[in-house]
Amino acid sequence: MKKRSLQTVFLLHGLLMPAMSMIPLERRLRQAGFATSRLSYATRERPWQQSIEMLRREVEACASEEIHFVGHSMGGLITAALLNDYPRIAPGRVVTIGTPFNGSSVARSVMRYSAGSWFLGGAEALLVTGIQPEWTDTRPLHVIAGTSGLGLPRMLFGRDPGAVHDGVVSVDECSLKGMASMDRFSSNHTMLLLNKEVIQRVAGLLACKVQ
């Protein structure tokens, strides 16, 4: 009989990113003793609500005593929406990386163009407005934000030149009332997933080694 894992981490990628982008994090979490489920979902080809349903089915099939979530960018929004709609999930912790809880100014700028709705697809409403003004779930939310300021999306579509950002999402867009902690790292939006300090921090947060 296969031994049931006591702790499982669900990993969700961001917009236009493949699930394999979460592999460096997944490897470190497995080394730390966590079981992992690296999910792939259509970020723009279908309405974002369908991604929540997919995640819900995966989570309901998980028998672990603790269930954690790590979401990059849009993946963090999908996680938050799931926990809003289905709060009766096994206890655990949530870590988001570059997630625009307050909506993305880059997404709003993209929508000024005729091809904006096509480009964002099913993620449009989620990325433009964000998901919630306050974190109310009982599990702690730990936020990671990038500060490198390097990224083509902000160069092309940024309309808040004074903002501290990761090239796509600003620190203010990541901030959420009720979050347990926020860490800032000098990386851009994509490289946050490869930053060794970020990866180590995520593992520590999920293991409750919070300082």
N, C-alpha and C. Protein backbone atom coordinates (compact mmCIF):
# COMPACT_ATOMS: atom_id res chain seq x y z
N MET A 1 0.85 -1.20 0.00
CA MET A 1 0.00 0.00 0.00
C MET A 1 0.88 1.25 0.00
N LYS A 2 0.55 2.21 -0.86
CA LYS A 2 1.33 3.44 -0.94
C LYS A 2 1.09 4.29 0.30
N LYS A 3 2.19 4.75 0.90
CA LYS A 3 2.10 5.57 2.11
C LYS A 3 1.55 6.95 1.78
N ARG A 4 0.59 7.39 2.55
CA ARG A 4 0.00 8.71 2.33
C ARG A 4 0.95 9.79 2.80
N SER A 5 1.15 10.80 1.97
CA SER A 5 2.00 11.92 2.36
C SER A 5 1.26 12.81 3.35
N LEU A 6 1.97 13.26 4.36
CA LEU A 6 1.34 14.11 5.37
C LEU A 6 1.16 15.54 4.87
N GLN A 7 2.05 15.98 3.95
CA GLN A 7 1.98 17.36 3.45
C GLN A 7 2.18 17.37 1.93
N THR A 8 1.27 18.01 1.25
CA THR A 8 1.36 18.14 -0.21
C THR A 8 1.34 19.61 -0.58
N VAL A 9 2.18 19.97 -1.54
CA VAL A 9 2.23 21.34 -2.05
C VAL A 9 1.73 21.35 -3.49
N PHE A 10 0.72 22.15 -3.75
CA PHE A 10 0.25 22.36 -5.12
C PHE A 10 0.96 23.58 -5.69
N LEU A 11 1.55 23.42 -6.87
CA LEU A 11 2.29 24.50 -7.52
C LEU A 11 1.57 24.94 -8.78
N LEU A 12 1.31 26.24 -8.88
CA LEU A 12 0.59 26.78 -10.04
C LEU A 12 1.40 27.88 -10.72
N HIS A 13 1.59 27.73 -12.02
CA HIS A 13 2.37 28.68 -12.81
C HIS A 13 1.55 29.91 -13.15
N GLY A 14 2.19 30.86 -13.81
CA GLY A 14 1.54 32.11 -14.17
C GLY A 14 1.12 32.17 -15.62
N LEU A 15 0.64 33.35 -16.02
CA LEU A 15 0.13 33.58 -17.37
C LEU A 15 1.20 33.28 -18.42
N LEU A 16 0.81 32.51 -19.43
CA LEU A 16 1.68 32.18 -20.57
C LEU A 16 2.95 31.45 -20.16
N MET A 17 2.95 30.86 -18.99
CA MET A 17 4.10 30.11 -18.50
C MET A 17 3.75 28.62 -18.49
N PRO A 18 4.72 27.76 -18.76
CA PRO A 18 4.45 26.32 -18.68
C PRO A 18 4.57 25.82 -17.24
N ALA A 19 3.98 24.69 -16.97
CA ALA A 19 4.08 24.10 -15.64
C ALA A 19 5.53 23.80 -15.27
N MET A 20 6.36 23.53 -16.26
CA MET A 20 7.76 23.20 -15.98
C MET A 20 8.53 24.38 -15.38
N SER A 21 7.96 25.58 -15.47
CA SER A 21 8.63 26.74 -14.85
C SER A 21 8.70 26.59 -13.34
N MET A 22 7.87 25.72 -12.77
CA MET A 22 7.85 25.52 -11.32
C MET A 22 8.76 24.37 -10.88
N ILE A 23 9.48 23.76 -11.81
CA ILE A 23 10.31 22.60 -11.46
C ILE A 23 11.41 22.92 -10.45
N PRO A 24 12.15 24.03 -10.57
CA PRO A 24 13.18 24.31 -9.55
C PRO A 24 12.61 24.37 -8.13
N LEU A 25 11.46 25.00 -7.98
CA LEU A 25 10.80 25.04 -6.68
C LEU A 25 10.38 23.64 -6.25
N GLU A 26 9.82 22.90 -7.18
CA GLU A 26 9.35 21.56 -6.88
C GLU A 26 10.49 20.67 -6.38
N ARG A 27 11.64 20.74 -7.02
CA ARG A 27 12.78 19.92 -6.61
C ARG A 27 13.19 20.23 -5.18
N ARG A 28 13.25 21.51 -4.86
CA ARG A 28 13.66 21.90 -3.50
C ARG A 28 12.63 21.44 -2.47
N LEU A 29 11.36 21.55 -2.79
CA LEU A 29 10.32 21.16 -1.85
C LEU A 29 10.32 19.65 -1.63
N ARG A 30 10.59 18.90 -2.67
CA ARG A 30 10.68 17.45 -2.50
C ARG A 30 11.88 17.07 -1.64
N GLN A 31 12.99 17.80 -1.81
CA GLN A 31 14.15 17.57 -0.96
C GLN A 31 13.83 17.84 0.50
N ALA A 32 12.91 18.79 0.73
CA ALA A 32 12.51 19.14 2.10
C ALA A 32 11.48 18.18 2.67
N GLY A 33 11.04 17.20 1.88
CA GLY A 33 10.13 16.18 2.38
C GLY A 33 8.67 16.37 2.00
N PHE A 34 8.37 17.36 1.19
CA PHE A 34 6.99 17.59 0.78
C PHE A 34 6.66 16.74 -0.45
N ALA A 35 5.44 16.25 -0.50
CA ALA A 35 4.91 15.74 -1.76
C ALA A 35 4.46 16.95 -2.57
N THR A 36 4.53 16.86 -3.89
CA THR A 36 4.16 18.00 -4.72
C THR A 36 3.21 17.59 -5.83
N SER A 37 2.43 18.56 -6.27
CA SER A 37 1.57 18.38 -7.43
C SER A 37 1.72 19.63 -8.28
N ARG A 38 2.45 19.50 -9.38
CA ARG A 38 2.72 20.62 -10.28
C ARG A 38 1.68 20.60 -11.38
N LEU A 39 0.76 21.55 -11.30
CA LEU A 39 -0.40 21.52 -12.18
C LEU A 39 -0.21 22.40 -13.41
N SER A 40 -0.78 21.96 -14.52
CA SER A 40 -0.80 22.74 -15.75
C SER A 40 -2.24 23.14 -16.05
N TYR A 41 -2.44 24.39 -16.41
CA TYR A 41 -3.79 24.85 -16.72
C TYR A 41 -3.72 25.89 -17.83
N ALA A 42 -4.81 26.07 -18.53
CA ALA A 42 -4.89 27.04 -19.62
C ALA A 42 -5.07 28.43 -19.03
N THR A 43 -4.06 29.27 -19.17
CA THR A 43 -4.11 30.58 -18.51
C THR A 43 -4.96 31.59 -19.26
N ARG A 44 -5.11 31.42 -20.58
CA ARG A 44 -5.88 32.41 -21.35
C ARG A 44 -6.86 31.78 -22.34
N GLU A 45 -6.71 30.48 -22.59
CA GLU A 45 -7.56 29.83 -23.60
C GLU A 45 -8.97 29.57 -23.10
N ARG A 46 -9.15 29.52 -21.78
CA ARG A 46 -10.46 29.28 -21.18
C ARG A 46 -10.71 30.29 -20.07
N PRO A 47 -11.96 30.49 -19.67
CA PRO A 47 -12.25 31.37 -18.54
C PRO A 47 -11.52 30.90 -17.29
N TRP A 48 -11.02 31.83 -16.50
CA TRP A 48 -10.22 31.46 -15.34
C TRP A 48 -11.01 30.64 -14.33
N GLN A 49 -12.33 30.79 -14.32
CA GLN A 49 -13.14 30.01 -13.38
C GLN A 49 -13.00 28.50 -13.62
N GLN A 50 -12.77 28.11 -14.87
CA GLN A 50 -12.59 26.70 -15.17
C GLN A 50 -11.31 26.16 -14.56
N SER A 51 -10.31 27.00 -14.44
CA SER A 51 -9.06 26.59 -13.81
C SER A 51 -9.26 26.34 -12.32
N ILE A 52 -10.13 27.12 -11.70
CA ILE A 52 -10.44 26.90 -10.29
C ILE A 52 -11.11 25.55 -10.10
N GLU A 53 -12.01 25.19 -11.00
CA GLU A 53 -12.68 23.90 -10.91
C GLU A 53 -11.69 22.75 -11.07
N MET A 54 -10.75 22.91 -11.98
CA MET A 54 -9.72 21.89 -12.16
C MET A 54 -8.90 21.73 -10.89
N LEU A 55 -8.49 22.85 -10.32
CA LEU A 55 -7.70 22.81 -9.09
C LEU A 55 -8.51 22.20 -7.95
N ARG A 56 -9.79 22.54 -7.86
CA ARG A 56 -10.63 22.00 -6.80
C ARG A 56 -10.68 20.48 -6.87
N ARG A 57 -10.84 19.95 -8.05
CA ARG A 57 -10.89 18.49 -8.20
C ARG A 57 -9.59 17.84 -7.77
N GLU A 58 -8.48 18.45 -8.12
CA GLU A 58 -7.18 17.91 -7.73
C GLU A 58 -7.00 17.94 -6.22
N VAL A 59 -7.42 19.05 -5.61
CA VAL A 59 -7.26 19.20 -4.16
C VAL A 59 -8.17 18.23 -3.42
N GLU A 60 -9.40 18.07 -3.89
CA GLU A 60 -10.33 17.16 -3.23
C GLU A 60 -9.86 15.71 -3.30
N ALA A 61 -9.06 15.39 -4.30
CA ALA A 61 -8.54 14.03 -4.44
C ALA A 61 -7.30 13.80 -3.59
N CYS A 62 -6.80 14.85 -2.96
CA CYS A 62 -5.59 14.76 -2.14
C CYS A 62 -5.97 14.40 -0.70
N ALA A 63 -5.33 13.36 -0.17
CA ALA A 63 -5.66 12.88 1.18
C ALA A 63 -4.67 13.36 2.24
N SER A 64 -3.80 14.28 1.91
CA SER A 64 -2.80 14.75 2.87
C SER A 64 -3.44 15.49 4.03
N GLU A 65 -2.78 15.44 5.18
CA GLU A 65 -3.29 16.13 6.37
C GLU A 65 -3.11 17.64 6.26
N GLU A 66 -2.08 18.07 5.53
CA GLU A 66 -1.85 19.49 5.29
C GLU A 66 -1.69 19.70 3.79
N ILE A 67 -2.33 20.74 3.28
CA ILE A 67 -2.25 21.07 1.86
C ILE A 67 -1.79 22.52 1.74
N HIS A 68 -0.67 22.71 1.05
CA HIS A 68 -0.09 24.03 0.85
C HIS A 68 -0.21 24.42 -0.62
N PHE A 69 -0.07 25.72 -0.88
CA PHE A 69 -0.14 26.22 -2.24
C PHE A 69 1.01 27.20 -2.49
N VAL A 70 1.63 27.07 -3.65
CA VAL A 70 2.61 28.05 -4.12
C VAL A 70 2.18 28.48 -5.50
N GLY A 71 1.89 29.76 -5.67
CA GLY A 71 1.42 30.26 -6.95
C GLY A 71 2.29 31.39 -7.46
N HIS A 72 2.69 31.30 -8.72
CA HIS A 72 3.43 32.38 -9.36
C HIS A 72 2.47 33.24 -10.16
N SER A 73 2.48 34.53 -9.89
CA SER A 73 1.68 35.50 -10.65
C SER A 73 0.20 35.10 -10.68
N MET A 74 -0.35 34.80 -11.84
CA MET A 74 -1.76 34.42 -11.95
C MET A 74 -2.07 33.18 -11.13
N GLY A 75 -1.10 32.30 -10.95
CA GLY A 75 -1.32 31.10 -10.14
C GLY A 75 -1.72 31.42 -8.72
N GLY A 76 -1.20 32.53 -8.19
CA GLY A 76 -1.59 32.96 -6.86
C GLY A 76 -3.03 33.45 -6.81
N LEU A 77 -3.47 34.10 -7.89
CA LEU A 77 -4.86 34.55 -7.96
C LEU A 77 -5.82 33.36 -8.04
N ILE A 78 -5.45 32.36 -8.81
CA ILE A 78 -6.28 31.16 -8.90
C ILE A 78 -6.38 30.49 -7.54
N THR A 79 -5.28 30.44 -6.81
CA THR A 79 -5.29 29.86 -5.47
C THR A 79 -6.21 30.63 -4.54
N ALA A 80 -6.09 31.96 -4.55
CA ALA A 80 -6.93 32.79 -3.68
C ALA A 80 -8.40 32.61 -4.00
N ALA A 81 -8.73 32.54 -5.29
CA ALA A 81 -10.13 32.36 -5.69
C ALA A 81 -10.65 31.00 -5.22
N LEU A 82 -9.81 29.98 -5.32
CA LEU A 82 -10.22 28.65 -4.84
C LEU A 82 -10.54 28.68 -3.36
N LEU A 83 -9.69 29.28 -2.58
CA LEU A 83 -9.88 29.30 -1.13
C LEU A 83 -11.07 30.17 -0.72
N ASN A 84 -11.40 31.15 -1.54
CA ASN A 84 -12.60 31.94 -1.29
C ASN A 84 -13.86 31.11 -1.50
N ASP A 85 -13.84 30.31 -2.58
CA ASP A 85 -15.03 29.54 -2.96
C ASP A 85 -15.16 28.23 -2.19
N TYR A 86 -14.03 27.65 -1.81
CA TYR A 86 -14.03 26.34 -1.15
C TYR A 86 -13.12 26.38 0.09
N PRO A 87 -13.58 27.01 1.15
CA PRO A 87 -12.73 27.19 2.34
C PRO A 87 -12.49 25.91 3.13
N ARG A 88 -13.27 24.87 2.92
CA ARG A 88 -13.13 23.65 3.71
C ARG A 88 -12.07 22.73 3.12
N ILE A 89 -10.89 23.22 3.02
CA ILE A 89 -9.74 22.45 2.53
C ILE A 89 -8.81 22.22 3.71
N ALA A 90 -8.10 21.10 3.69
CA ALA A 90 -7.18 20.78 4.78
C ALA A 90 -6.28 21.98 5.08
N PRO A 91 -5.90 22.18 6.33
CA PRO A 91 -5.08 23.34 6.70
C PRO A 91 -3.73 23.32 6.01
N GLY A 92 -3.13 24.48 5.95
CA GLY A 92 -1.82 24.59 5.31
C GLY A 92 -1.41 26.05 5.20
N ARG A 93 -0.49 26.33 4.30
CA ARG A 93 0.01 27.68 4.10
C ARG A 93 0.00 28.02 2.62
N VAL A 94 0.03 29.31 2.33
CA VAL A 94 0.02 29.79 0.95
C VAL A 94 1.20 30.73 0.74
N VAL A 95 1.94 30.51 -0.33
CA VAL A 95 3.02 31.42 -0.73
C VAL A 95 2.74 31.88 -2.16
N THR A 96 2.72 33.18 -2.37
CA THR A 96 2.53 33.71 -3.72
C THR A 96 3.80 34.45 -4.14
N ILE A 97 4.10 34.36 -5.42
CA ILE A 97 5.32 34.96 -5.96
C ILE A 97 4.93 35.87 -7.12
N GLY A 98 5.09 37.18 -6.92
CA GLY A 98 4.75 38.13 -7.98
C GLY A 98 3.29 38.09 -8.37
N THR A 99 2.40 37.92 -7.41
CA THR A 99 0.96 37.84 -7.70
C THR A 99 0.29 39.19 -7.54
N PRO A 100 -0.37 39.70 -8.58
CA PRO A 100 -1.02 41.01 -8.50
C PRO A 100 -2.42 40.94 -7.87
N PHE A 101 -2.46 40.81 -6.56
CA PHE A 101 -3.75 40.72 -5.87
C PHE A 101 -4.63 41.93 -6.15
N ASN A 102 -4.00 43.08 -6.33
CA ASN A 102 -4.76 44.32 -6.55
C ASN A 102 -4.96 44.62 -8.03
N GLY A 103 -4.77 43.63 -8.86
CA GLY A 103 -4.88 43.84 -10.29
C GLY A 103 -3.55 44.32 -10.88
N SER A 104 -3.38 44.11 -12.16
CA SER A 104 -2.13 44.44 -12.84
C SER A 104 -2.28 45.69 -13.69
N SER A 105 -1.46 46.70 -13.43
CA SER A 105 -1.51 47.92 -14.24
C SER A 105 -1.06 47.63 -15.67
N VAL A 106 -0.16 46.65 -15.83
CA VAL A 106 0.26 46.26 -17.17
C VAL A 106 -0.93 45.67 -17.94
N ALA A 107 -1.71 44.82 -17.27
CA ALA A 107 -2.90 44.24 -17.91
C ALA A 107 -3.89 45.33 -18.29
N ARG A 108 -4.07 46.30 -17.41
CA ARG A 108 -5.01 47.38 -17.71
C ARG A 108 -4.52 48.21 -18.90
N SER A 109 -3.21 48.40 -18.98
CA SER A 109 -2.66 49.15 -20.12
C SER A 109 -2.80 48.36 -21.42
N VAL A 110 -2.59 47.06 -21.35
CA VAL A 110 -2.76 46.20 -22.53
C VAL A 110 -4.18 46.30 -23.07
N MET A 111 -5.14 46.45 -22.16
CA MET A 111 -6.54 46.50 -22.56
C MET A 111 -6.90 47.80 -23.31
N ARG A 112 -5.99 48.75 -23.34
CA ARG A 112 -6.22 49.97 -24.10
C ARG A 112 -6.09 49.72 -25.60
N TYR A 113 -5.51 48.59 -25.95
CA TYR A 113 -5.27 48.27 -27.35
C TYR A 113 -6.35 47.30 -27.85
N SER A 114 -6.59 47.33 -29.15
CA SER A 114 -7.67 46.53 -29.73
C SER A 114 -7.45 45.04 -29.54
N ALA A 115 -6.19 44.61 -29.46
CA ALA A 115 -5.90 43.19 -29.30
C ALA A 115 -5.78 42.78 -27.83
N GLY A 116 -6.07 43.69 -26.93
CA GLY A 116 -5.90 43.42 -25.50
C GLY A 116 -6.72 42.24 -25.02
N SER A 117 -8.01 42.23 -25.37
CA SER A 117 -8.87 41.14 -24.92
C SER A 117 -8.42 39.81 -25.49
N TRP A 118 -7.96 39.82 -26.73
CA TRP A 118 -7.46 38.58 -27.34
C TRP A 118 -6.22 38.09 -26.61
N PHE A 119 -5.31 39.01 -26.29
CA PHE A 119 -4.05 38.62 -25.67
C PHE A 119 -4.26 38.03 -24.28
N LEU A 120 -5.09 38.68 -23.47
CA LEU A 120 -5.32 38.20 -22.10
C LEU A 120 -6.32 37.05 -22.05
N GLY A 121 -7.21 37.00 -23.03
CA GLY A 121 -8.15 35.89 -23.13
C GLY A 121 -8.98 35.72 -21.87
N GLY A 122 -9.08 34.46 -21.42
CA GLY A 122 -9.90 34.15 -20.25
C GLY A 122 -9.38 34.69 -18.95
N ALA A 123 -8.17 35.23 -18.96
CA ALA A 123 -7.58 35.78 -17.74
C ALA A 123 -7.86 37.28 -17.58
N GLU A 124 -8.51 37.88 -18.56
CA GLU A 124 -8.67 39.33 -18.58
C GLU A 124 -9.22 39.91 -17.28
N ALA A 125 -10.40 39.48 -16.88
CA ALA A 125 -11.05 40.07 -15.70
C ALA A 125 -10.22 39.85 -14.44
N LEU A 126 -9.63 38.67 -14.33
CA LEU A 126 -8.85 38.33 -13.14
C LEU A 126 -7.63 39.22 -13.02
N LEU A 127 -6.90 39.43 -14.11
CA LEU A 127 -5.66 40.20 -14.06
C LEU A 127 -5.90 41.70 -14.01
N VAL A 128 -6.98 42.15 -14.61
CA VAL A 128 -7.26 43.58 -14.63
C VAL A 128 -7.71 44.07 -13.26
N THR A 129 -8.57 43.31 -12.59
CA THR A 129 -9.15 43.78 -11.32
C THR A 129 -8.55 43.12 -10.09
N GLY A 130 -7.87 41.99 -10.23
CA GLY A 130 -7.39 41.28 -9.05
C GLY A 130 -8.49 40.43 -8.45
N ILE A 131 -8.28 39.97 -7.24
CA ILE A 131 -9.20 38.99 -6.68
C ILE A 131 -9.89 39.42 -5.40
N GLN A 132 -9.21 40.20 -4.55
CA GLN A 132 -9.83 40.54 -3.27
C GLN A 132 -9.04 41.65 -2.59
N PRO A 133 -9.71 42.47 -1.77
CA PRO A 133 -9.01 43.56 -1.09
C PRO A 133 -8.33 43.14 0.21
N GLU A 134 -8.67 41.94 0.70
CA GLU A 134 -8.14 41.53 2.01
C GLU A 134 -8.07 40.00 2.06
N TRP A 135 -7.03 39.50 2.72
CA TRP A 135 -6.88 38.06 2.90
C TRP A 135 -7.65 37.66 4.15
N THR A 136 -8.67 36.81 3.99
CA THR A 136 -9.50 36.43 5.12
C THR A 136 -9.44 34.95 5.43
N ASP A 137 -8.73 34.18 4.63
CA ASP A 137 -8.62 32.74 4.88
C ASP A 137 -7.84 32.50 6.17
N THR A 138 -8.14 31.40 6.85
CA THR A 138 -7.47 31.12 8.12
C THR A 138 -6.01 30.72 7.94
N ARG A 139 -5.65 30.19 6.78
CA ARG A 139 -4.25 29.81 6.56
C ARG A 139 -3.42 31.05 6.27
N PRO A 140 -2.18 31.10 6.76
CA PRO A 140 -1.36 32.29 6.54
C PRO A 140 -0.95 32.45 5.07
N LEU A 141 -0.91 33.69 4.64
CA LEU A 141 -0.47 34.04 3.29
C LEU A 141 0.89 34.73 3.38
N HIS A 142 1.87 34.18 2.68
CA HIS A 142 3.20 34.78 2.61
C HIS A 142 3.45 35.24 1.18
N VAL A 143 3.78 36.51 1.04
CA VAL A 143 3.92 37.14 -0.27
C VAL A 143 5.39 37.38 -0.58
N ILE A 144 5.78 37.05 -1.80
CA ILE A 144 7.12 37.34 -2.30
C ILE A 144 6.98 38.26 -3.51
N ALA A 145 7.77 39.34 -3.53
CA ALA A 145 7.70 40.31 -4.61
C ALA A 145 9.10 40.58 -5.14
N GLY A 146 9.19 40.89 -6.41
CA GLY A 146 10.46 41.23 -7.03
C GLY A 146 10.65 42.72 -7.15
N THR A 147 11.92 43.16 -7.15
CA THR A 147 12.20 44.60 -7.16
C THR A 147 13.25 45.01 -8.19
N SER A 148 13.58 44.13 -9.13
CA SER A 148 14.67 44.43 -10.05
C SER A 148 14.36 45.59 -10.99
N GLY A 149 13.08 45.79 -11.29
CA GLY A 149 12.69 46.85 -12.20
C GLY A 149 12.97 46.55 -13.66
N LEU A 150 13.35 45.32 -13.96
CA LEU A 150 13.72 44.95 -15.32
C LEU A 150 12.66 44.05 -15.94
N GLY A 151 12.12 44.49 -17.07
CA GLY A 151 11.12 43.66 -17.73
C GLY A 151 10.46 44.41 -18.86
N LEU A 152 10.33 43.76 -20.00
CA LEU A 152 9.76 44.40 -21.18
C LEU A 152 8.31 44.85 -20.97
N PRO A 153 7.46 44.07 -20.27
CA PRO A 153 6.08 44.53 -20.10
C PRO A 153 5.96 45.91 -19.46
N ARG A 154 6.76 46.16 -18.43
CA ARG A 154 6.70 47.48 -17.78
C ARG A 154 7.30 48.56 -18.68
N MET A 155 8.33 48.19 -19.44
CA MET A 155 8.93 49.16 -20.35
C MET A 155 7.92 49.61 -21.41
N LEU A 156 7.10 48.66 -21.86
CA LEU A 156 6.14 48.97 -22.92
C LEU A 156 4.82 49.53 -22.40
N PHE A 157 4.37 49.01 -21.25
CA PHE A 157 3.01 49.32 -20.80
C PHE A 157 2.94 49.96 -19.41
N GLY A 158 4.08 50.18 -18.77
CA GLY A 158 4.06 50.76 -17.43
C GLY A 158 3.58 52.19 -17.44
N ARG A 159 2.68 52.52 -16.53
CA ARG A 159 2.15 53.88 -16.45
C ARG A 159 2.30 54.47 -15.04
N ASP A 160 3.12 53.83 -14.21
CA ASP A 160 3.39 54.36 -12.87
C ASP A 160 4.90 54.33 -12.67
N PRO A 161 5.62 55.29 -13.24
CA PRO A 161 7.08 55.27 -13.28
C PRO A 161 7.76 55.25 -11.91
N GLY A 162 7.07 55.65 -10.86
CA GLY A 162 7.68 55.67 -9.54
C GLY A 162 7.56 54.36 -8.79
N ALA A 163 6.87 53.37 -9.37
CA ALA A 163 6.60 52.12 -8.67
C ALA A 163 7.84 51.23 -8.59
N VAL A 164 7.95 50.50 -7.50
CA VAL A 164 8.96 49.45 -7.36
C VAL A 164 8.34 48.18 -7.90
N HIS A 165 9.01 47.53 -8.86
CA HIS A 165 8.37 46.40 -9.53
C HIS A 165 9.40 45.38 -10.00
N ASP A 166 8.89 44.26 -10.51
CA ASP A 166 9.75 43.18 -11.00
C ASP A 166 9.80 43.13 -12.52
N GLY A 167 9.38 44.19 -13.15
CA GLY A 167 9.32 44.24 -14.60
C GLY A 167 7.95 43.94 -15.14
N VAL A 168 7.08 43.39 -14.30
CA VAL A 168 5.69 43.10 -14.69
C VAL A 168 4.73 43.57 -13.60
N VAL A 169 4.96 43.13 -12.37
CA VAL A 169 4.06 43.39 -11.25
C VAL A 169 4.78 44.24 -10.21
N SER A 170 4.09 45.24 -9.68
CA SER A 170 4.70 46.10 -8.66
C SER A 170 4.53 45.50 -7.28
N VAL A 171 5.35 45.98 -6.36
CA VAL A 171 5.26 45.54 -4.97
C VAL A 171 3.90 45.89 -4.39
N ASP A 172 3.40 47.09 -4.71
CA ASP A 172 2.09 47.49 -4.21
C ASP A 172 0.98 46.58 -4.74
N GLU A 173 1.10 46.13 -5.97
CA GLU A 173 0.10 45.23 -6.53
C GLU A 173 0.12 43.87 -5.84
N CYS A 174 1.28 43.48 -5.31
CA CYS A 174 1.40 42.21 -4.59
C CYS A 174 0.89 42.29 -3.16
N SER A 175 0.90 43.48 -2.60
CA SER A 175 0.56 43.66 -1.19
C SER A 175 -0.92 43.46 -0.95
N LEU A 176 -1.23 42.82 0.17
CA LEU A 176 -2.63 42.52 0.49
C LEU A 176 -2.84 42.62 2.00
N LYS A 177 -3.87 43.35 2.40
CA LYS A 177 -4.20 43.45 3.81
C LYS A 177 -4.50 42.06 4.37
N GLY A 178 -3.91 41.75 5.52
CA GLY A 178 -4.13 40.46 6.14
C GLY A 178 -3.05 39.44 5.85
N MET A 179 -2.11 39.78 4.97
CA MET A 179 -1.03 38.84 4.68
C MET A 179 -0.14 38.67 5.90
N ALA A 180 0.46 37.50 6.04
CA ALA A 180 1.30 37.22 7.21
C ALA A 180 2.68 37.82 7.07
N SER A 181 3.21 37.89 5.84
CA SER A 181 4.55 38.43 5.64
C SER A 181 4.73 38.81 4.19
N MET A 182 5.72 39.67 3.94
CA MET A 182 6.13 39.99 2.58
C MET A 182 7.66 40.05 2.53
N ASP A 183 8.21 39.36 1.55
CA ASP A 183 9.65 39.40 1.29
C ASP A 183 9.90 39.99 -0.08
N ARG A 184 10.95 40.78 -0.19
CA ARG A 184 11.31 41.38 -1.47
C ARG A 184 12.68 40.86 -1.91
N PHE A 185 12.77 40.53 -3.19
CA PHE A 185 14.02 40.04 -3.75
C PHE A 185 14.32 40.78 -5.04
N SER A 186 15.60 41.04 -5.26
CA SER A 186 16.01 41.77 -6.46
C SER A 186 16.07 40.82 -7.66
N SER A 187 14.90 40.46 -8.15
CA SER A 187 14.77 39.61 -9.33
C SER A 187 13.62 40.13 -10.17
N ASN A 188 13.63 39.79 -11.46
CA ASN A 188 12.48 40.15 -12.26
C ASN A 188 11.41 39.07 -12.16
N HIS A 189 10.32 39.29 -12.85
CA HIS A 189 9.12 38.48 -12.65
C HIS A 189 9.36 36.99 -12.91
N THR A 190 10.05 36.69 -13.97
CA THR A 190 10.30 35.29 -14.32
C THR A 190 11.44 34.69 -13.50
N MET A 191 12.49 35.46 -13.31
CA MET A 191 13.67 34.94 -12.62
C MET A 191 13.45 34.71 -11.13
N LEU A 192 12.34 35.23 -10.59
CA LEU A 192 12.00 34.90 -9.20
C LEU A 192 11.90 33.39 -9.00
N LEU A 193 11.47 32.69 -10.04
CA LEU A 193 11.29 31.24 -9.94
C LEU A 193 12.61 30.48 -9.97
N LEU A 194 13.69 31.15 -10.37
CA LEU A 194 15.00 30.52 -10.44
C LEU A 194 15.95 31.04 -9.37
N ASN A 195 15.53 32.08 -8.68
CA ASN A 195 16.37 32.69 -7.64
C ASN A 195 16.52 31.73 -6.46
N LYS A 196 17.77 31.34 -6.15
CA LYS A 196 18.01 30.36 -5.10
C LYS A 196 17.54 30.85 -3.73
N GLU A 197 17.65 32.15 -3.48
CA GLU A 197 17.19 32.70 -2.21
C GLU A 197 15.67 32.62 -2.11
N VAL A 198 14.99 32.89 -3.21
CA VAL A 198 13.53 32.78 -3.22
C VAL A 198 13.11 31.34 -2.97
N ILE A 199 13.75 30.42 -3.67
CA ILE A 199 13.41 29.00 -3.53
C ILE A 199 13.61 28.53 -2.09
N GLN A 200 14.72 28.95 -1.49
CA GLN A 200 14.99 28.57 -0.11
C GLN A 200 13.97 29.20 0.84
N ARG A 201 13.59 30.42 0.55
CA ARG A 201 12.61 31.10 1.40
C ARG A 201 11.25 30.41 1.34
N VAL A 202 10.84 30.01 0.15
CA VAL A 202 9.56 29.32 0.00
C VAL A 202 9.57 28.02 0.82
N ALA A 203 10.65 27.27 0.73
CA ALA A 203 10.75 26.02 1.48
C ALA A 203 10.67 26.29 2.98
N GLY A 204 11.34 27.35 3.43
CA GLY A 204 11.30 27.69 4.85
C GLY A 204 9.94 28.13 5.32
N LEU A 205 9.26 28.92 4.49
CA LEU A 205 7.91 29.39 4.85
C LEU A 205 6.93 28.24 4.98
N LEU A 206 7.02 27.28 4.08
CA LEU A 206 6.11 26.15 4.14
C LEU A 206 6.43 25.20 5.30
N ALA A 207 7.68 25.23 5.72
CA ALA A 207 8.07 24.41 6.88
C ALA A 207 7.92 25.18 8.19
N CYS A 208 7.33 26.38 8.11
CA CYS A 208 7.11 27.24 9.29
C CYS A 208 8.41 27.77 9.88
N LYS A 209 9.49 27.77 9.11
CA LYS A 209 10.74 28.35 9.59
C LYS A 209 10.78 29.81 9.19
N VAL A 210 9.87 30.59 9.78
CA VAL A 210 9.69 31.99 9.41
C VAL A 210 10.43 32.87 10.40
N GLN A 211 11.28 33.75 9.87
CA GLN A 211 12.03 34.67 10.72
C GLN A 211 11.80 36.09 10.27
